[in-house]
Amino acid sequence: MAAVSINVSTLKPLGDRVFVKVSPAEEKTAGGILLPDNAQEKPQIGEVVAVGPGKRNDDGSRSELDVKVGDKVLYSKYAGTDIKLSGEDYVLLSEKDILASVE
């Protein structure tokens, strides 16, 4: 079996999926207390790295996605598939799991 090298530039989501780089978790509370790794909450904000071509409609055409590469988005807490590439955290989401665009 051949080894496959996966990196961010070679990954292309299919359908209405979006590949998001997860923003780092907060390491301190508002009061300045440092949180250990296991007490930090999973971040819900990230930057879109790649988008799929869109969902296929009944007539065979594609629906364009509402987000594009470079957008910051807020997504559902337990949505998508967590992926770790080159020491960075990413999540592969369906477009419906994206709640808002962050500006």
C-alpha atoms as a PDB file:
ATOM      1  CA  MET A   1       0.000   0.000   0.000  1.00  0.00           C
ATOM      2  CA  ALA A   2       1.366   3.428  -0.953  1.00  0.00           C
ATOM      3  CA  ALA A   3       1.750   6.149   1.629  1.00  0.00           C
ATOM      4  CA  VAL A   4      -0.378   9.233   1.034  1.00  0.00           C
ATOM      5  CA  SER A   5       0.842  12.641   2.096  1.00  0.00           C
ATOM      6  CA  ILE A   6      -1.984  14.945   3.124  1.00  0.00           C
ATOM      7  CA  ASN A   7      -1.544  18.635   3.687  1.00  0.00           C
ATOM      8  CA  VAL A   8      -3.910  21.597   3.674  1.00  0.00           C
ATOM      9  CA  SER A   9      -3.155  22.624   0.087  1.00  0.00           C
ATOM     10  CA  THR A  10      -4.006  19.156  -1.306  1.00  0.00           C
ATOM     11  CA  LEU A  11      -7.274  18.754   0.596  1.00  0.00           C
ATOM     12  CA  LYS A  12     -10.433  19.678  -1.353  1.00  0.00           C
ATOM     13  CA  PRO A  13     -13.801  19.262   0.389  1.00  0.00           C
ATOM     14  CA  LEU A  14     -16.647  17.641  -1.552  1.00  0.00           C
ATOM     15  CA  GLY A  15     -20.229  18.866  -1.934  1.00  0.00           C
ATOM     16  CA  ASP A  16     -21.295  21.510   0.590  1.00  0.00           C
ATOM     17  CA  ARG A  17     -18.430  20.815   2.999  1.00  0.00           C
ATOM     18  CA  VAL A  18     -16.108  23.469   4.420  1.00  0.00           C
ATOM     19  CA  PHE A  19     -12.584  22.946   5.845  1.00  0.00           C
ATOM     20  CA  VAL A  20     -11.930  25.298   8.776  1.00  0.00           C
ATOM     21  CA  LYS A  21      -8.729  26.036  10.737  1.00  0.00           C
ATOM     22  CA  VAL A  22      -9.723  26.143  14.404  1.00  0.00           C
ATOM     23  CA  SER A  23      -8.808  29.264  16.400  1.00  0.00           C
ATOM     24  CA  PRO A  24      -6.723  28.552  19.521  1.00  0.00           C
ATOM     25  CA  ALA A  25      -8.630  27.932  22.772  1.00  0.00           C
ATOM     26  CA  GLU A  26      -8.584  30.507  25.550  1.00  0.00           C
ATOM     27  CA  GLU A  27      -5.833  29.639  28.001  1.00  0.00           C
ATOM     28  CA  LYS A  28      -6.864  32.147  30.701  1.00  0.00           C
ATOM     29  CA  THR A  29     -10.144  33.095  32.301  1.00  0.00           C
ATOM     30  CA  ALA A  30     -11.289  36.720  32.433  1.00  0.00           C
ATOM     31  CA  GLY A  31      -9.867  36.855  35.973  1.00  0.00           C
ATOM     32  CA  GLY A  32      -6.422  35.741  34.784  1.00  0.00           C
ATOM     33  CA  ILE A  33      -6.494  32.123  35.973  1.00  0.00           C
ATOM     34  CA  LEU A  34      -4.567  29.761  33.670  1.00  0.00           C
ATOM     35  CA  LEU A  35      -6.604  26.784  32.478  1.00  0.00           C
ATOM     36  CA  PRO A  36      -5.065  23.323  31.965  1.00  0.00           C
ATOM     37  CA  ASP A  37      -5.597  21.710  28.542  1.00  0.00           C
ATOM     38  CA  ASN A  38      -8.332  19.368  29.749  1.00  0.00           C
ATOM     39  CA  ALA A  39     -10.378  22.269  31.219  1.00  0.00           C
ATOM     40  CA  GLN A  40     -10.330  24.410  28.082  1.00  0.00           C
ATOM     41  CA  GLU A  41     -13.516  24.475  26.040  1.00  0.00           C
ATOM     42  CA  LYS A  42     -13.485  23.416  22.404  1.00  0.00           C
ATOM     43  CA  PRO A  43     -13.299  26.578  20.266  1.00  0.00           C
ATOM     44  CA  GLN A  44     -16.219  27.348  17.960  1.00  0.00           C
ATOM     45  CA  ILE A  45     -14.564  29.995  15.781  1.00  0.00           C
ATOM     46  CA  GLY A  46     -12.220  29.378  12.894  1.00  0.00           C
ATOM     47  CA  GLU A  47     -11.027  30.542   9.491  1.00  0.00           C
ATOM     48  CA  VAL A  48     -12.251  28.908   6.283  1.00  0.00           C
ATOM     49  CA  VAL A  49      -9.293  27.263   4.502  1.00  0.00           C
ATOM     50  CA  ALA A  50     -11.106  25.420   1.669  1.00  0.00           C
ATOM     51  CA  VAL A  51     -14.677  25.038   0.403  1.00  0.00           C
ATOM     52  CA  GLY A  52     -16.377  22.417  -1.729  1.00  0.00           C
ATOM     53  CA  PRO A  53     -18.133  23.121  -5.036  1.00  0.00           C
ATOM     54  CA  GLY A  54     -21.573  23.275  -3.396  1.00  0.00           C
ATOM     55  CA  LYS A  55     -24.544  20.988  -2.944  1.00  0.00           C
ATOM     56  CA  ARG A  56     -25.978  19.435  -6.094  1.00  0.00           C
ATOM     57  CA  ASN A  57     -29.599  20.453  -6.813  1.00  0.00           C
ATOM     58  CA  ASP A  58     -32.287  18.183  -8.273  1.00  0.00           C
ATOM     59  CA  ASP A  59     -31.688  19.612 -11.778  1.00  0.00           C
ATOM     60  CA  GLY A  60     -27.946  18.804 -11.583  1.00  0.00           C
ATOM     61  CA  SER A  61     -26.731  22.370 -10.983  1.00  0.00           C
ATOM     62  CA  ARG A  62     -24.722  23.356  -7.905  1.00  0.00           C
ATOM     63  CA  SER A  63     -25.772  25.738  -5.112  1.00  0.00           C
ATOM     64  CA  GLU A  64     -23.036  28.246  -4.323  1.00  0.00           C
ATOM     65  CA  LEU A  65     -21.822  28.294  -0.712  1.00  0.00           C
ATOM     66  CA  ASP A  66     -22.385  31.364   1.480  1.00  0.00           C
ATOM     67  CA  VAL A  67     -18.799  31.337   2.788  1.00  0.00           C
ATOM     68  CA  LYS A  68     -15.482  31.636   0.974  1.00  0.00           C
ATOM     69  CA  VAL A  69     -11.827  31.009   1.784  1.00  0.00           C
ATOM     70  CA  GLY A  70     -10.547  33.509   4.365  1.00  0.00           C
ATOM     71  CA  ASP A  71     -13.910  34.079   6.120  1.00  0.00           C
ATOM     72  CA  LYS A  72     -14.016  33.739   9.920  1.00  0.00           C
ATOM     73  CA  VAL A  73     -16.984  31.647  10.988  1.00  0.00           C
ATOM     74  CA  LEU A  74     -18.809  30.540  14.128  1.00  0.00           C
ATOM     75  CA  TYR A  75     -19.867  26.891  13.984  1.00  0.00           C
ATOM     76  CA  SER A  76     -21.847  24.453  16.137  1.00  0.00           C
ATOM     77  CA  LYS A  77     -19.967  23.133  19.153  1.00  0.00           C
ATOM     78  CA  TYR A  78     -20.103  19.421  18.330  1.00  0.00           C
ATOM     79  CA  ALA A  79     -20.280  19.694  14.540  1.00  0.00           C
ATOM     80  CA  GLY A  80     -17.968  18.218  11.955  1.00  0.00           C
ATOM     81  CA  THR A  81     -14.950  15.959  12.020  1.00  0.00           C
ATOM     82  CA  ASP A  82     -11.834  17.054  13.915  1.00  0.00           C
ATOM     83  CA  ILE A  83      -8.598  16.690  11.935  1.00  0.00           C
ATOM     84  CA  LYS A  84      -5.000  17.375  12.994  1.00  0.00           C
ATOM     85  CA  LEU A  85      -2.502  18.204  10.199  1.00  0.00           C
ATOM     86  CA  SER A  86       1.070  19.378  10.791  1.00  0.00           C
ATOM     87  CA  GLY A  87       0.311  20.093  14.457  1.00  0.00           C
ATOM     88  CA  GLU A  88      -2.643  22.399  13.596  1.00  0.00           C
ATOM     89  CA  ASP A  89      -6.291  21.688  14.446  1.00  0.00           C
ATOM     90  CA  TYR A  90      -8.914  21.723  11.681  1.00  0.00           C
ATOM     91  CA  VAL A  91     -12.553  20.732  11.403  1.00  0.00           C
ATOM     92  CA  LEU A  92     -14.417  19.515   8.310  1.00  0.00           C
ATOM     93  CA  LEU A  93     -18.004  20.789   8.455  1.00  0.00           C
ATOM     94  CA  SER A  94     -21.142  20.721   6.392  1.00  0.00           C
ATOM     95  CA  GLU A  95     -22.257  24.253   5.454  1.00  0.00           C
ATOM     96  CA  LYS A  96     -25.435  23.808   7.523  1.00  0.00           C
ATOM     97  CA  ASP A  97     -23.270  23.546  10.690  1.00  0.00           C
ATOM     98  CA  ILE A  98     -21.954  27.096  10.214  1.00  0.00           C
ATOM     99  CA  LEU A  99     -23.998  29.471  12.362  1.00  0.00           C
ATOM    100  CA  ALA A 100     -22.580  32.886  11.443  1.00  0.00           C
ATOM    101  CA  SER A 101     -19.826  34.817   9.751  1.00  0.00           C
ATOM    102  CA  VAL A 102     -17.604  36.771  12.172  1.00  0.00           C
ATOM    103  CA  GLU A 103     -16.262  40.160  11.129  1.00  0.00           C
END
